[in-house]
Amino acid sequence: MKRKYWLLLLVFAVLLHGSPILADGDFYVVAVGGGVGTKITSLPYTISTPGFYYLGGNLSNTRNDTAINVNANGVTIDLMGFCLNGSEKLGMGISLNSNNVEIRNGTVQNFAIGIMGQIGTSDHRILNVRAVNNTSCLEFEGTGQLVKGCEVTGDSGISVNCSVVSGNTVHDCVNGIYANGDSLISGNAVRNCSSKGITTNDSATVSANSVNYCAIGIFFFGGSLIGNAVQCTTDQTGIGLYTGQPCMLDQNTVIGEGTHYSGGGSNTVWAGKSATYPYGNNAGAPLPSP
């Protein structure tokens, strides 16, 4: 009863102030009676001023161009549970040509690139978005992004630079998650990628991910690899390590019939390593020792 009363007060506050407000975590209440933000009703669409924008229904872009161009800083696009549709994997769903853009709560599908953060842009947030059946689903050339709570499936899943990728489900891609620079890749569920599940380039922290049945589960170029669970079958590799870059492995587990760990060298630190436990705290390691 108290919760219902609280929600009624919240809706009343939205109607009174005429703008969307944050209610609980990532849950937003938006007055639907009109006058809140700017409704996007047709494509292609260009955003040139900061503010709140939202879809009023499913929209389709049948041309080989960009459905929504964002040219202003400080923009929020709420897909409102609706779908932004491309055609035959042509064009781009949403192009971010500015900084500090948030996109949330809906589906972007059937484009060559689902959502693209262009070179020189930064600090975007992609929350609770389904990016499906795009050639490249979520691709960011700039830095400082947050990609959280998304479901991604397509040829290329998520590609970021110096960013945070957390709590996403990525499946049935060629390459699942690619992270360049000092990125944090944490708590993602990745499965059935025909090439690589998670790939890093440079120093990254990759922690608490679940990676199943990828040709190479985690292809790691350097940094910290902590607490990941990987499963691989015949002709697959659980964790592949680059030989020339410093990296530390701790509390990872690899199971299955494939190659559990490969690569590594003098720059590889196996936390807890001893004569008895040559792979230290990392479980499922084959012999001989590294």
C-alpha atoms as a PDB file:
ATOM      1  CA  MET A   1       0.000   0.000   0.000  1.00  0.00           C
ATOM      2  CA  LYS A   2       2.812   2.402   0.895  1.00  0.00           C
ATOM      3  CA  ARG A   3       4.549   1.633  -2.410  1.00  0.00           C
ATOM      4  CA  LYS A   4       1.375   2.424  -4.388  1.00  0.00           C
ATOM      5  CA  TYR A   5       1.026   5.708  -2.507  1.00  0.00           C
ATOM      6  CA  TRP A   6       4.669   6.581  -3.243  1.00  0.00           C
ATOM      7  CA  LEU A   7       4.232   5.839  -6.959  1.00  0.00           C
ATOM      8  CA  LEU A   8       1.119   8.009  -7.131  1.00  0.00           C
ATOM      9  CA  LEU A   9       3.058  10.887  -5.586  1.00  0.00           C
ATOM     10  CA  LEU A  10       5.870  10.305  -8.055  1.00  0.00           C
ATOM     11  CA  VAL A  11       3.578  10.408 -11.091  1.00  0.00           C
ATOM     12  CA  PHE A  12       1.947  13.551  -9.703  1.00  0.00           C
ATOM     13  CA  ALA A  13       5.371  15.174  -9.355  1.00  0.00           C
ATOM     14  CA  VAL A  14       6.175  14.378 -12.986  1.00  0.00           C
ATOM     15  CA  LEU A  15       2.913  15.854 -14.197  1.00  0.00           C
ATOM     16  CA  LEU A  16       3.477  18.935 -12.039  1.00  0.00           C
ATOM     17  CA  HIS A  17       7.030  19.626 -13.173  1.00  0.00           C
ATOM     18  CA  GLY A  18       6.545  18.615 -16.806  1.00  0.00           C
ATOM     19  CA  SER A  19       9.817  16.739 -17.133  1.00  0.00           C
ATOM     20  CA  PRO A  20      11.086  13.174 -16.662  1.00  0.00           C
ATOM     21  CA  ILE A  21      12.596  12.431 -13.254  1.00  0.00           C
ATOM     22  CA  LEU A  22      14.654   9.562 -11.906  1.00  0.00           C
ATOM     23  CA  ALA A  23      12.564   7.344  -9.691  1.00  0.00           C
ATOM     24  CA  ASP A  24      14.513   4.278  -8.659  1.00  0.00           C
ATOM     25  CA  GLY A  25      17.864   3.225 -10.126  1.00  0.00           C
ATOM     26  CA  ASP A  26      17.497   3.190 -13.904  1.00  0.00           C
ATOM     27  CA  PHE A  27      13.692   3.291 -13.847  1.00  0.00           C
ATOM     28  CA  TYR A  28      12.135   6.483 -15.186  1.00  0.00           C
ATOM     29  CA  VAL A  29       8.585   7.782 -15.080  1.00  0.00           C
ATOM     30  CA  VAL A  30       7.508   9.904 -18.018  1.00  0.00           C
ATOM     31  CA  ALA A  31       4.218  11.743 -18.291  1.00  0.00           C
ATOM     32  CA  VAL A  32       2.535  10.522 -21.461  1.00  0.00           C
ATOM     33  CA  GLY A  33      -0.136  13.158 -21.685  1.00  0.00           C
ATOM     34  CA  GLY A  34       2.066  15.414 -23.809  1.00  0.00           C
ATOM     35  CA  GLY A  35       4.472  18.242 -23.180  1.00  0.00           C
ATOM     36  CA  VAL A  36       7.369  16.169 -21.822  1.00  0.00           C
ATOM     37  CA  GLY A  37      10.463  16.236 -23.968  1.00  0.00           C
ATOM     38  CA  THR A  38      10.382  15.887 -27.736  1.00  0.00           C
ATOM     39  CA  LYS A  39       8.671  12.962 -29.401  1.00  0.00           C
ATOM     40  CA  ILE A  40      10.425  11.436 -32.407  1.00  0.00           C
ATOM     41  CA  THR A  41       7.722  10.348 -34.840  1.00  0.00           C
ATOM     42  CA  SER A  42       9.523   9.997 -38.182  1.00  0.00           C
ATOM     43  CA  LEU A  43      12.921   9.168 -39.648  1.00  0.00           C
ATOM     44  CA  PRO A  44      15.515  10.335 -40.495  1.00  0.00           C
ATOM     45  CA  TYR A  45      15.726  12.676 -37.510  1.00  0.00           C
ATOM     46  CA  THR A  46      18.436  15.139 -36.395  1.00  0.00           C
ATOM     47  CA  ILE A  47      18.856  16.332 -32.795  1.00  0.00           C
ATOM     48  CA  SER A  48      20.500  19.759 -32.636  1.00  0.00           C
ATOM     49  CA  THR A  49      19.644  20.949 -29.114  1.00  0.00           C
ATOM     50  CA  PRO A  50      20.184  19.353 -25.683  1.00  0.00           C
ATOM     51  CA  GLY A  51      17.276  17.738 -23.897  1.00  0.00           C
ATOM     52  CA  PHE A  52      15.045  14.710 -23.562  1.00  0.00           C
ATOM     53  CA  TYR A  53      13.797  12.886 -26.660  1.00  0.00           C
ATOM     54  CA  TYR A  54      11.692   9.759 -26.909  1.00  0.00           C
ATOM     55  CA  LEU A  55      10.078   7.421 -29.409  1.00  0.00           C
ATOM     56  CA  GLY A  56       6.322   7.499 -29.680  1.00  0.00           C
ATOM     57  CA  GLY A  57       6.185   4.057 -31.318  1.00  0.00           C
ATOM     58  CA  ASN A  58       8.153   1.643 -33.479  1.00  0.00           C
ATOM     59  CA  LEU A  59       9.966   3.464 -36.287  1.00  0.00           C
ATOM     60  CA  SER A  60      11.560   2.117 -39.470  1.00  0.00           C
ATOM     61  CA  ASN A  61      14.287   3.583 -41.637  1.00  0.00           C
ATOM     62  CA  THR A  62      14.216   2.070 -45.115  1.00  0.00           C
ATOM     63  CA  ARG A  63      17.024   4.200 -46.583  1.00  0.00           C
ATOM     64  CA  ASN A  64      20.780   3.637 -46.596  1.00  0.00           C
ATOM     65  CA  ASP A  65      21.485   6.547 -44.246  1.00  0.00           C
ATOM     66  CA  THR A  66      21.363   7.336 -40.506  1.00  0.00           C
ATOM     67  CA  ALA A  67      18.029   7.073 -38.715  1.00  0.00           C
ATOM     68  CA  ILE A  68      18.872   9.467 -35.831  1.00  0.00           C
ATOM     69  CA  ASN A  69      21.792  11.925 -35.846  1.00  0.00           C
ATOM     70  CA  VAL A  70      22.716  13.457 -32.480  1.00  0.00           C
ATOM     71  CA  ASN A  71      24.624  16.730 -32.946  1.00  0.00           C
ATOM     72  CA  ALA A  72      24.161  18.247 -29.464  1.00  0.00           C
ATOM     73  CA  ASN A  73      25.766  17.542 -26.086  1.00  0.00           C
ATOM     74  CA  GLY A  74      23.634  16.531 -23.119  1.00  0.00           C
ATOM     75  CA  VAL A  75      20.955  14.523 -24.907  1.00  0.00           C
ATOM     76  CA  THR A  76      18.853  11.643 -23.566  1.00  0.00           C
ATOM     77  CA  ILE A  77      16.978   9.370 -25.968  1.00  0.00           C
ATOM     78  CA  ASP A  78      14.464   7.040 -24.333  1.00  0.00           C
ATOM     79  CA  LEU A  79      13.306   4.396 -26.778  1.00  0.00           C
ATOM     80  CA  MET A  80      10.369   3.751 -24.422  1.00  0.00           C
ATOM     81  CA  GLY A  81      10.410   0.027 -25.125  1.00  0.00           C
ATOM     82  CA  PHE A  82       9.913   0.597 -28.842  1.00  0.00           C
ATOM     83  CA  CYS A  83      12.053  -0.569 -31.767  1.00  0.00           C
ATOM     84  CA  LEU A  84      14.226   1.419 -34.168  1.00  0.00           C
ATOM     85  CA  ASN A  85      14.281  -0.702 -37.323  1.00  0.00           C
ATOM     86  CA  GLY A  86      16.732  -0.641 -40.185  1.00  0.00           C
ATOM     87  CA  SER A  87      16.456  -2.366 -43.527  1.00  0.00           C
ATOM     88  CA  GLU A  88      18.663  -5.217 -44.750  1.00  0.00           C
ATOM     89  CA  LYS A  89      21.531  -4.121 -42.480  1.00  0.00           C
ATOM     90  CA  LEU A  90      21.950  -0.806 -44.283  1.00  0.00           C
ATOM     91  CA  GLY A  91      22.843   2.564 -42.785  1.00  0.00           C
ATOM     92  CA  MET A  92      23.179   3.442 -39.113  1.00  0.00           C
ATOM     93  CA  GLY A  93      20.635   3.424 -36.327  1.00  0.00           C
ATOM     94  CA  ILE A  94      21.913   6.239 -34.086  1.00  0.00           C
ATOM     95  CA  SER A  95      25.045   8.309 -34.750  1.00  0.00           C
ATOM     96  CA  LEU A  96      26.504  10.176 -31.773  1.00  0.00           C
ATOM     97  CA  ASN A  97      28.416  13.214 -33.055  1.00  0.00           C
ATOM     98  CA  SER A  98      28.593  14.966 -29.679  1.00  0.00           C
ATOM     99  CA  ASN A  99      29.328  14.215 -26.013  1.00  0.00           C
ATOM    100  CA  ASN A 100      27.329  13.056 -23.014  1.00  0.00           C
ATOM    101  CA  VAL A 101      24.482  11.245 -24.733  1.00  0.00           C
ATOM    102  CA  GLU A 102      22.332   8.608 -23.040  1.00  0.00           C
ATOM    103  CA  ILE A 103      20.297   6.023 -24.942  1.00  0.00           C
ATOM    104  CA  ARG A 104      18.080   3.602 -23.067  1.00  0.00           C
ATOM    105  CA  ASN A 105      15.133   1.202 -22.921  1.00  0.00           C
ATOM    106  CA  GLY A 106      14.444  -0.245 -26.359  1.00  0.00           C
ATOM    107  CA  THR A 107      15.651  -2.073 -29.459  1.00  0.00           C
ATOM    108  CA  VAL A 108      17.917  -1.053 -32.343  1.00  0.00           C
ATOM    109  CA  GLN A 109      18.019  -3.656 -35.099  1.00  0.00           C
ATOM    110  CA  ASN A 110      18.809  -4.479 -38.728  1.00  0.00           C
ATOM    111  CA  PHE A 111      21.402  -1.758 -39.389  1.00  0.00           C
ATOM    112  CA  ALA A 112      24.982  -1.893 -40.636  1.00  0.00           C
ATOM    113  CA  ILE A 113      25.873  -0.161 -37.335  1.00  0.00           C
ATOM    114  CA  GLY A 114      23.307  -0.062 -34.553  1.00  0.00           C
ATOM    115  CA  ILE A 115      24.704   2.762 -32.371  1.00  0.00           C
ATOM    116  CA  MET A 116      27.942   4.553 -33.257  1.00  0.00           C
ATOM    117  CA  GLY A 117      29.938   6.958 -31.084  1.00  0.00           C
ATOM    118  CA  GLN A 118      32.039   8.892 -33.557  1.00  0.00           C
ATOM    119  CA  ILE A 119      35.750   9.753 -33.207  1.00  0.00           C
ATOM    120  CA  GLY A 120      36.336  12.478 -30.635  1.00  0.00           C
ATOM    121  CA  THR A 121      33.060  11.967 -28.763  1.00  0.00           C
ATOM    122  CA  SER A 122      32.932  10.727 -25.177  1.00  0.00           C
ATOM    123  CA  ASP A 123      30.929   9.995 -22.039  1.00  0.00           C
ATOM    124  CA  HIS A 124      27.983   8.199 -23.598  1.00  0.00           C
ATOM    125  CA  ARG A 125      25.722   5.833 -21.650  1.00  0.00           C
ATOM    126  CA  ILE A 126      23.927   2.944 -23.318  1.00  0.00           C
ATOM    127  CA  LEU A 127      21.509   1.377 -20.835  1.00  0.00           C
ATOM    128  CA  ASN A 128      19.066  -1.510 -21.238  1.00  0.00           C
ATOM    129  CA  VAL A 129      19.205  -1.511 -25.022  1.00  0.00           C
ATOM    130  CA  ARG A 130      18.676  -4.553 -27.241  1.00  0.00           C
ATOM    131  CA  ALA A 131      21.040  -4.236 -30.212  1.00  0.00           C
ATOM    132  CA  VAL A 132      20.237  -7.205 -32.402  1.00  0.00           C
ATOM    133  CA  ASN A 133      20.879  -8.380 -35.946  1.00  0.00           C
ATOM    134  CA  ASN A 134      23.207  -5.484 -36.801  1.00  0.00           C
ATOM    135  CA  THR A 135      26.508  -6.007 -38.589  1.00  0.00           C
ATOM    136  CA  SER A 136      28.177  -3.934 -35.843  1.00  0.00           C
ATOM    137  CA  CYS A 137      25.882  -3.506 -32.852  1.00  0.00           C
ATOM    138  CA  LEU A 138      27.447  -0.990 -30.431  1.00  0.00           C
ATOM    139  CA  GLU A 139      30.632   0.722 -31.644  1.00  0.00           C
ATOM    140  CA  PHE A 140      32.428   3.641 -29.966  1.00  0.00           C
ATOM    141  CA  GLU A 141      35.539   5.398 -31.273  1.00  0.00           C
ATOM    142  CA  GLY A 142      35.848   7.815 -28.344  1.00  0.00           C
ATOM    143  CA  THR A 143      36.435   7.162 -24.636  1.00  0.00           C
ATOM    144  CA  GLY A 144      34.579   7.141 -21.332  1.00  0.00           C
ATOM    145  CA  GLN A 145      31.489   5.162 -22.337  1.00  0.00           C
ATOM    146  CA  LEU A 146      29.237   3.087 -20.085  1.00  0.00           C
ATOM    147  CA  VAL A 147      27.486   0.134 -21.718  1.00  0.00           C
ATOM    148  CA  LYS A 148      25.297  -1.593 -19.150  1.00  0.00           C
ATOM    149  CA  GLY A 149      22.427  -4.064 -19.060  1.00  0.00           C
ATOM    150  CA  CYS A 150      22.200  -4.521 -22.834  1.00  0.00           C
ATOM    151  CA  GLU A 151      21.459  -7.589 -24.939  1.00  0.00           C
ATOM    152  CA  VAL A 152      23.632  -7.750 -28.035  1.00  0.00           C
ATOM    153  CA  THR A 153      23.723 -10.163 -30.936  1.00  0.00           C
ATOM    154  CA  GLY A 154      25.130  -9.546 -34.427  1.00  0.00           C
ATOM    155  CA  ASP A 155      28.406  -9.913 -36.304  1.00  0.00           C
ATOM    156  CA  SER A 156      30.349  -7.532 -34.022  1.00  0.00           C
ATOM    157  CA  GLY A 157      28.900  -7.049 -30.548  1.00  0.00           C
ATOM    158  CA  ILE A 158      30.348  -4.255 -28.371  1.00  0.00           C
ATOM    159  CA  SER A 159      33.496  -2.267 -29.234  1.00  0.00           C
ATOM    160  CA  VAL A 160      34.857   0.403 -26.842  1.00  0.00           C
ATOM    161  CA  ASN A 161      37.946   2.422 -25.862  1.00  0.00           C
ATOM    162  CA  CYS A 162      38.861   3.160 -22.232  1.00  0.00           C
ATOM    163  CA  SER A 163      35.300   2.485 -21.092  1.00  0.00           C
ATOM    164  CA  VAL A 164      33.118   0.360 -18.804  1.00  0.00           C
ATOM    165  CA  VAL A 165      31.159  -2.605 -20.172  1.00  0.00           C
ATOM    166  CA  SER A 166      29.122  -4.187 -17.393  1.00  0.00           C
ATOM    167  CA  GLY A 167      26.254  -6.613 -16.947  1.00  0.00           C
ATOM    168  CA  ASN A 168      25.496  -7.199 -20.620  1.00  0.00           C
ATOM    169  CA  THR A 169      24.405 -10.363 -22.413  1.00  0.00           C
ATOM    170  CA  VAL A 170      26.303 -10.903 -25.671  1.00  0.00           C
ATOM    171  CA  HIS A 171      25.641 -13.984 -27.776  1.00  0.00           C
ATOM    172  CA  ASP A 172      25.893 -15.509 -31.241  1.00  0.00           C
ATOM    173  CA  CYS A 173      28.356 -12.946 -32.562  1.00  0.00           C
ATOM    174  CA  VAL A 174      31.577 -13.349 -34.512  1.00  0.00           C
ATOM    175  CA  ASN A 175      33.349 -11.198 -31.896  1.00  0.00           C
ATOM    176  CA  GLY A 176      31.502 -10.465 -28.680  1.00  0.00           C
ATOM    177  CA  ILE A 177      33.227  -7.666 -26.722  1.00  0.00           C
ATOM    178  CA  TYR A 178      36.317  -5.761 -27.866  1.00  0.00           C
ATOM    179  CA  ALA A 179      37.963  -3.320 -25.459  1.00  0.00           C
ATOM    180  CA  ASN A 180      40.892  -1.079 -26.294  1.00  0.00           C
ATOM    181  CA  GLY A 181      42.894   0.799 -23.677  1.00  0.00           C
ATOM    182  CA  ASP A 182      42.295   0.921 -19.937  1.00  0.00           C
ATOM    183  CA  SER A 183      38.774  -0.536 -19.886  1.00  0.00           C
ATOM    184  CA  LEU A 184      36.753  -2.421 -17.272  1.00  0.00           C
ATOM    185  CA  ILE A 185      34.879  -5.458 -18.604  1.00  0.00           C
ATOM    186  CA  SER A 186      32.880  -6.910 -15.739  1.00  0.00           C
ATOM    187  CA  GLY A 187      29.912  -9.162 -15.060  1.00  0.00           C
ATOM    188  CA  ASN A 188      28.998  -9.871 -18.681  1.00  0.00           C
ATOM    189  CA  ALA A 189      27.561 -13.134 -20.007  1.00  0.00           C
ATOM    190  CA  VAL A 190      29.078 -14.023 -23.395  1.00  0.00           C
ATOM    191  CA  ARG A 191      28.342 -17.169 -25.374  1.00  0.00           C
ATOM    192  CA  ASN A 192      28.525 -18.788 -28.797  1.00  0.00           C
ATOM    193  CA  CYS A 193      30.931 -16.399 -30.536  1.00  0.00           C
ATOM    194  CA  SER A 194      32.524 -17.957 -33.603  1.00  0.00           C
ATOM    195  CA  SER A 195      35.827 -16.072 -33.174  1.00  0.00           C
ATOM    196  CA  LYS A 196      36.413 -14.422 -29.769  1.00  0.00           C
ATOM    197  CA  GLY A 197      34.151 -13.849 -26.799  1.00  0.00           C
ATOM    198  CA  ILE A 198      36.103 -11.050 -25.086  1.00  0.00           C
ATOM    199  CA  THR A 199      39.189  -9.392 -26.598  1.00  0.00           C
ATOM    200  CA  THR A 200      41.355  -6.734 -24.970  1.00  0.00           C
ATOM    201  CA  ASN A 201      44.074  -4.612 -26.519  1.00  0.00           C
ATOM    202  CA  ASP A 202      46.435  -2.866 -24.083  1.00  0.00           C
ATOM    203  CA  SER A 203      45.830  -2.897 -20.328  1.00  0.00           C
ATOM    204  CA  ALA A 204      42.342  -3.800 -19.110  1.00  0.00           C
ATOM    205  CA  THR A 205      40.583  -5.282 -16.105  1.00  0.00           C
ATOM    206  CA  VAL A 206      38.415  -8.256 -17.058  1.00  0.00           C
ATOM    207  CA  SER A 207      36.537  -9.639 -14.073  1.00  0.00           C
ATOM    208  CA  ALA A 208      33.608 -11.872 -13.125  1.00  0.00           C
ATOM    209  CA  ASN A 209      32.502 -12.582 -16.694  1.00  0.00           C
ATOM    210  CA  SER A 210      30.899 -15.816 -17.847  1.00  0.00           C
ATOM    211  CA  VAL A 211      32.143 -16.903 -21.280  1.00  0.00           C
ATOM    212  CA  ASN A 212      30.841 -20.097 -22.876  1.00  0.00           C
ATOM    213  CA  TYR A 213      31.495 -21.902 -26.134  1.00  0.00           C
ATOM    214  CA  CYS A 214      33.494 -19.339 -28.077  1.00  0.00           C
ATOM    215  CA  ALA A 215      36.362 -20.252 -30.419  1.00  0.00           C
ATOM    216  CA  ILE A 216      38.572 -18.286 -28.002  1.00  0.00           C
ATOM    217  CA  GLY A 217      36.739 -17.381 -24.827  1.00  0.00           C
ATOM    218  CA  ILE A 218      38.977 -14.528 -23.629  1.00  0.00           C
ATOM    219  CA  PHE A 219      41.856 -13.244 -25.775  1.00  0.00           C
ATOM    220  CA  PHE A 220      43.860 -11.168 -23.320  1.00  0.00           C
ATOM    221  CA  PHE A 221      46.579  -8.669 -24.225  1.00  0.00           C
ATOM    222  CA  GLY A 222      47.418  -7.370 -20.756  1.00  0.00           C
ATOM    223  CA  GLY A 223      46.169  -6.117 -17.414  1.00  0.00           C
ATOM    224  CA  SER A 224      44.213  -8.069 -14.791  1.00  0.00           C
ATOM    225  CA  LEU A 225      42.110 -11.147 -15.473  1.00  0.00           C
ATOM    226  CA  ILE A 226      40.204 -11.965 -12.297  1.00  0.00           C
ATOM    227  CA  GLY A 227      37.405 -14.339 -11.360  1.00  0.00           C
ATOM    228  CA  ASN A 228      36.146 -15.237 -14.830  1.00  0.00           C
ATOM    229  CA  ALA A 229      34.376 -18.521 -15.585  1.00  0.00           C
ATOM    230  CA  VAL A 230      35.028 -19.955 -19.047  1.00  0.00           C
ATOM    231  CA  GLN A 231      33.748 -23.107 -20.702  1.00  0.00           C
ATOM    232  CA  CYS A 232      35.165 -24.439 -23.960  1.00  0.00           C
ATOM    233  CA  THR A 233      34.570 -27.542 -25.994  1.00  0.00           C
ATOM    234  CA  THR A 234      36.739 -29.476 -28.452  1.00  0.00           C
ATOM    235  CA  ASP A 235      38.808 -27.228 -30.782  1.00  0.00           C
ATOM    236  CA  GLN A 236      38.112 -24.169 -28.626  1.00  0.00           C
ATOM    237  CA  THR A 237      40.435 -22.255 -26.273  1.00  0.00           C
ATOM    238  CA  GLY A 238      39.257 -20.924 -22.932  1.00  0.00           C
ATOM    239  CA  ILE A 239      41.823 -18.176 -22.241  1.00  0.00           C
ATOM    240  CA  GLY A 240      44.471 -17.103 -24.748  1.00  0.00           C
ATOM    241  CA  LEU A 241      47.292 -14.893 -23.465  1.00  0.00           C
ATOM    242  CA  TYR A 242      49.504 -12.523 -25.431  1.00  0.00           C
ATOM    243  CA  THR A 243      53.137 -13.344 -24.730  1.00  0.00           C
ATOM    244  CA  GLY A 244      54.631  -9.841 -24.834  1.00  0.00           C
ATOM    245  CA  GLN A 245      52.362  -7.901 -22.469  1.00  0.00           C
ATOM    246  CA  PRO A 246      52.306  -7.986 -18.634  1.00  0.00           C
ATOM    247  CA  CYS A 247      49.178  -9.615 -17.264  1.00  0.00           C
ATOM    248  CA  MET A 248      47.981 -11.071 -13.978  1.00  0.00           C
ATOM    249  CA  LEU A 249      45.587 -13.999 -13.627  1.00  0.00           C
ATOM    250  CA  ASP A 250      43.761 -14.773 -10.386  1.00  0.00           C
ATOM    251  CA  GLN A 251      40.764 -16.976  -9.492  1.00  0.00           C
ATOM    252  CA  ASN A 252      39.768 -17.801 -13.062  1.00  0.00           C
ATOM    253  CA  THR A 253      38.157 -21.142 -13.874  1.00  0.00           C
ATOM    254  CA  VAL A 254      38.202 -22.904 -17.244  1.00  0.00           C
ATOM    255  CA  ILE A 255      36.361 -26.169 -17.859  1.00  0.00           C
ATOM    256  CA  GLY A 256      35.491 -28.304 -20.872  1.00  0.00           C
ATOM    257  CA  GLU A 257      37.209 -30.446 -23.467  1.00  0.00           C
ATOM    258  CA  GLY A 258      39.098 -27.677 -25.254  1.00  0.00           C
ATOM    259  CA  THR A 259      42.445 -26.016 -24.505  1.00  0.00           C
ATOM    260  CA  HIS A 260      42.062 -24.294 -21.167  1.00  0.00           C
ATOM    261  CA  TYR A 261      44.962 -21.804 -21.218  1.00  0.00           C
ATOM    262  CA  SER A 262      47.352 -20.931 -24.032  1.00  0.00           C
ATOM    263  CA  GLY A 263      50.130 -18.404 -24.570  1.00  0.00           C
ATOM    264  CA  GLY A 264      51.607 -16.285 -21.821  1.00  0.00           C
ATOM    265  CA  GLY A 265      55.280 -15.989 -20.918  1.00  0.00           C
ATOM    266  CA  SER A 266      57.697 -14.273 -18.589  1.00  0.00           C
ATOM    267  CA  ASN A 267      55.374 -11.265 -18.230  1.00  0.00           C
ATOM    268  CA  THR A 268      52.462 -13.434 -17.078  1.00  0.00           C
ATOM    269  CA  VAL A 269      51.800 -13.521 -13.329  1.00  0.00           C
ATOM    270  CA  TRP A 270      49.811 -16.481 -12.023  1.00  0.00           C
ATOM    271  CA  ALA A 271      48.552 -15.327  -8.604  1.00  0.00           C
ATOM    272  CA  GLY A 272      49.260 -17.899  -5.897  1.00  0.00           C
ATOM    273  CA  LYS A 273      51.679 -19.864  -8.060  1.00  0.00           C
ATOM    274  CA  SER A 274      53.756 -22.522  -6.299  1.00  0.00           C
ATOM    275  CA  ALA A 275      55.507 -25.773  -7.110  1.00  0.00           C
ATOM    276  CA  THR A 276      52.339 -27.633  -6.186  1.00  0.00           C
ATOM    277  CA  TYR A 277      49.999 -25.254  -8.005  1.00  0.00           C
ATOM    278  CA  PRO A 278      51.800 -24.014 -11.144  1.00  0.00           C
ATOM    279  CA  TYR A 279      48.755 -22.019 -12.278  1.00  0.00           C
ATOM    280  CA  GLY A 280      48.195 -20.643  -8.795  1.00  0.00           C
ATOM    281  CA  ASN A 281      44.619 -19.778  -7.887  1.00  0.00           C
ATOM    282  CA  ASN A 282      43.370 -20.406 -11.426  1.00  0.00           C
ATOM    283  CA  ALA A 283      41.382 -23.616 -11.751  1.00  0.00           C
ATOM    284  CA  GLY A 284      41.229 -26.030 -14.645  1.00  0.00           C
ATOM    285  CA  ALA A 285      44.783 -25.460 -15.795  1.00  0.00           C
ATOM    286  CA  PRO A 286      46.454 -28.224 -17.803  1.00  0.00           C
ATOM    287  CA  LEU A 287      50.049 -29.383 -17.396  1.00  0.00           C
ATOM    288  CA  PRO A 288      52.872 -28.684 -18.083  1.00  0.00           C
ATOM    289  CA  SER A 289      53.192 -25.615 -15.932  1.00  0.00           C
ATOM    290  CA  PRO A 290      53.786 -22.177 -17.493  1.00  0.00           C
END
